[in-house]
Protein backbone atom coordinates (compact mmCIF):
# COMPACT_ATOMS: atom_id res chain seq x y z
CA UNK A 1 0.00 0.00 0.00
CA UNK A 2 1.37 3.42 -0.99
CA UNK A 3 1.63 6.23 1.52
CA UNK A 4 -0.47 9.25 0.58
CA UNK A 5 1.40 12.35 -0.49
CA UNK A 6 0.68 15.72 1.07
CA UNK A 7 -1.01 18.08 -1.44
CA UNK A 8 1.42 20.61 -2.97
CA UNK A 9 0.51 24.23 -3.71
CA UNK A 10 1.88 25.05 -7.15
CA UNK A 11 0.58 28.53 -7.85
CA UNK A 12 -2.12 31.07 -7.09
CA UNK A 13 -4.08 33.73 -8.94
CA UNK A 14 -5.77 36.69 -7.25
CA UNK A 15 -9.33 36.99 -8.60
CA UNK A 16 -10.73 39.86 -6.56
CA UNK A 17 -9.43 42.54 -4.24
CA UNK A 18 -11.78 44.38 -1.87
CA UNK A 19 -11.09 46.33 1.33
CA UNK A 20 -11.34 43.32 3.67
CA UNK A 21 -11.27 40.25 1.42
CA UNK A 22 -9.13 39.07 -1.43
CA UNK A 23 -10.22 36.05 -3.49
CA UNK A 24 -7.65 33.55 -4.79
CA UNK A 25 -7.68 30.44 -6.94
CA UNK A 26 -5.02 28.01 -5.76
CA UNK A 27 -3.54 25.34 -8.02
CA UNK A 28 -2.62 22.18 -6.10
CA UNK A 29 -1.26 18.76 -6.94
CA UNK A 30 -3.50 16.50 -4.85
CA UNK A 31 -2.62 13.25 -3.01
CA UNK A 32 -3.01 11.22 -6.22
CA UNK A 33 -0.83 13.55 -8.33
CA UNK A 34 -3.75 15.26 -10.08
CA UNK A 35 -4.34 18.99 -10.51
CA UNK A 36 -6.88 20.50 -8.12
CA UNK A 37 -8.15 24.11 -8.30
CA UNK A 38 -9.23 25.45 -4.94
CA UNK A 39 -10.85 28.79 -4.11
CA UNK A 40 -10.19 30.69 -0.92
CA UNK A 41 -10.44 34.18 0.54
CA UNK A 42 -7.96 36.06 2.67
CA UNK A 43 -7.61 39.38 4.44
CA UNK A 44 -4.15 39.74 2.93
CA UNK A 45 -2.57 40.66 -0.39
CA UNK A 46 -0.15 37.90 -1.31
CA UNK A 47 2.75 38.01 -3.72
CA UNK A 48 3.79 34.34 -3.32
CA UNK A 49 1.92 31.14 -2.41
CA UNK A 50 4.28 30.55 0.55
CA UNK A 51 2.79 33.59 2.31
CA UNK A 52 -0.68 32.02 2.68
CA UNK A 53 -1.65 31.39 6.29
CA UNK A 54 1.32 33.21 7.80
CA UNK A 55 -0.44 36.28 9.25
CA UNK A 56 -3.17 36.87 11.81
CA UNK A 57 -5.69 39.54 10.92
CA UNK A 58 -7.07 40.51 14.32
CA UNK A 59 -8.41 39.42 17.67
CA UNK A 60 -11.26 37.51 19.29
CA UNK A 61 -12.05 38.57 22.85
CA UNK A 62 -13.32 36.10 25.44
CA UNK A 63 -14.55 38.63 27.98
CA UNK A 64 -15.96 37.83 31.38
CA UNK A 65 -17.16 39.68 34.46
CA UNK A 66 -17.43 37.67 37.67
CA UNK A 67 -19.51 34.60 36.68
CA UNK A 68 -20.83 36.08 33.43
CA UNK A 69 -19.61 35.72 29.86
CA UNK A 70 -19.73 38.64 27.43
CA UNK A 71 -21.60 37.87 24.21
CA UNK A 72 -22.64 39.99 21.29
CA UNK A 73 -26.00 39.46 19.62
CA UNK A 74 -25.26 40.76 16.18
CA UNK A 75 -26.78 40.82 12.73
CA UNK A 76 -24.40 39.09 10.32
CA UNK A 77 -24.94 39.79 6.64
CA UNK A 78 -23.21 36.56 5.59
CA UNK A 79 -26.04 34.50 7.12
CA UNK A 80 -28.73 37.22 6.97
CA UNK A 81 -29.74 36.80 10.61
CA UNK A 82 -28.83 37.48 14.22
CA UNK A 83 -26.25 35.24 15.86
CA UNK A 84 -24.38 35.25 19.15
CA UNK A 85 -20.69 35.92 18.78
CA UNK A 86 -17.63 37.12 20.67
CA UNK A 87 -16.23 40.64 20.27
CA UNK A 88 -13.68 40.50 17.47
CA UNK A 89 -12.11 42.56 14.75
CA UNK A 90 -9.23 43.37 12.47
CA UNK A 91 -6.05 44.97 13.73
CA UNK A 92 -4.98 48.31 12.34
CA UNK A 93 -1.47 49.02 11.02
CA UNK A 94 1.10 48.99 13.80
CA UNK A 95 -1.44 48.00 16.47
CA UNK A 96 -0.41 45.40 19.07
CA UNK A 97 -2.67 42.50 20.00
CA UNK A 98 -3.49 44.20 23.32
CA UNK A 99 -4.25 47.55 21.65
CA UNK A 100 -6.49 45.87 19.09
CA UNK A 101 -8.40 43.98 21.81
CA UNK A 102 -8.93 47.16 23.83
CA UNK A 103 -10.14 49.11 20.78
CA UNK A 104 -12.47 46.38 19.49
CA UNK A 105 -14.00 45.83 22.94
CA UNK A 106 -14.59 49.56 23.32
CA UNK A 107 -16.11 49.88 19.82
CA UNK A 108 -18.33 46.79 19.93
CA UNK A 109 -19.47 46.85 23.56
CA UNK A 110 -18.31 50.13 25.10
CA UNK A 111 -16.40 48.13 27.72
CA UNK A 112 -12.80 48.21 28.94
CA UNK A 113 -10.29 45.48 29.69
CA UNK A 114 -9.65 45.27 33.42
CA UNK A 115 -7.08 42.47 33.14
CA UNK A 116 -5.75 40.33 30.31
CA UNK A 117 -5.57 36.77 31.63
CA UNK A 118 -4.15 35.03 28.58
CA UNK A 119 -3.42 35.60 24.91
CA UNK A 120 -3.60 32.44 22.84
CA UNK A 121 -1.81 32.11 19.49
CA UNK A 122 -3.83 32.84 16.36
CA UNK A 123 -6.58 30.33 15.52
CA UNK A 124 -8.15 29.89 12.09
CA UNK A 125 -11.82 30.87 11.79
CA UNK A 126 -12.82 28.77 8.75
CA UNK A 127 -9.76 26.99 7.31
CA UNK A 128 -11.83 25.27 4.63
CA UNK A 129 -12.60 28.70 3.09
CA UNK A 130 -9.97 31.14 4.31
CA UNK A 131 -6.65 31.66 6.02
CA UNK A 132 -8.25 34.27 8.31
CA UNK A 133 -6.95 33.85 11.84
CA UNK A 134 -7.05 35.85 15.04
CA UNK A 135 -5.34 36.03 18.40
CA UNK A 136 -7.64 34.87 21.22
CA UNK A 137 -7.56 37.32 24.12
CA UNK A 138 -9.07 36.08 27.39
CA UNK A 139 -9.82 39.07 29.60
CA UNK A 140 -11.71 40.30 32.61
CA UNK A 141 -13.78 43.27 31.41
CA UNK A 142 -15.57 46.17 33.06
CA UNK A 143 -17.72 49.18 32.34
CA UNK A 144 -21.18 49.95 31.01
CA UNK A 145 -22.46 48.98 27.60
CA UNK A 146 -22.07 51.79 25.09
CA UNK A 147 -21.29 50.32 21.64
CA UNK A 148 -19.83 52.68 19.05
CA UNK A 149 -20.43 50.65 15.92
CA UNK A 150 -20.25 51.50 12.24
CA UNK A 151 -23.31 51.87 10.01
CA UNK A 152 -22.95 48.30 8.71
CA UNK A 153 -22.91 46.79 12.22
CA UNK A 154 -25.87 46.03 14.47
CA UNK A 155 -24.58 44.77 17.82
CA UNK A 156 -26.31 44.22 21.17
CA UNK A 157 -23.81 43.28 23.90
CA UNK A 158 -24.90 41.30 26.96
CA UNK A 159 -23.48 39.46 29.93
CA UNK A 160 -24.93 35.98 30.43
CA UNK A 161 -24.58 33.73 33.46
CA UNK A 162 -24.47 29.92 33.20
CA UNK A 163 -28.24 29.51 33.35
CA UNK A 164 -28.81 32.12 30.60
CA UNK A 165 -26.05 30.59 28.47
CA UNK A 166 -27.61 27.13 28.68
CA UNK A 167 -30.92 28.54 27.46
CA UNK A 168 -29.28 30.50 24.66
CA UNK A 169 -27.31 27.45 23.56
CA UNK A 170 -30.56 25.47 23.21
CA UNK A 171 -32.58 28.14 21.41
CA UNK A 172 -30.34 30.56 19.49
CA UNK A 173 -27.82 30.61 16.62
CA UNK A 174 -24.12 31.06 17.40
CA UNK A 175 -20.81 31.38 15.62
CA UNK A 176 -18.87 28.14 16.17
CA UNK A 177 -16.27 29.79 18.41
CA UNK A 178 -18.89 31.54 20.57
CA UNK A 179 -20.92 28.36 20.88
CA UNK A 180 -17.92 26.37 22.11
CA UNK A 181 -16.79 29.09 24.50
CA UNK A 182 -20.33 29.48 25.89
CA UNK A 183 -20.70 25.73 26.31
CA UNK A 184 -17.43 25.33 28.19
CA UNK A 185 -18.24 28.39 30.32
CA UNK A 186 -21.35 26.54 31.55
CA UNK A 187 -19.53 23.44 32.82
């Protein structure tokens, strides 16, 4: 029996370039030696195929206050409905992970970071479609809700205790990361 070969990325073509997303067609040699065209999106402009997946584009904030988890109920155009999510966003040029987390939390919820407990390495959001990844910032947060969102954002922040989270998990739609975080917060 032959050992499978790892797919090899041969080349890429940029198809579209917008403010936040760039679309690429990747040319691979698959495990059987055949050509495979694969489409993906990225937050980055790439010159060479080797650059794909090498950069994080922002942060995801796992915020908590005492025994409550911070969630955002937000309208997401990509699914045309409200979902529960974590505060998150793209970093700006020259911005550190900590600065990005503080800014995004302030913009999306009006809250402040009291203490950063842990910063996890970047995690991919949807590796079957994109190389988009973000640092995961676990932080104790404080303040009063006062979101300062853009015209294309509709966000309602809330703190939920374990009982509320269990009910939301049974009855509402979530992003995958928020669903997992909420679930593990309840146990």
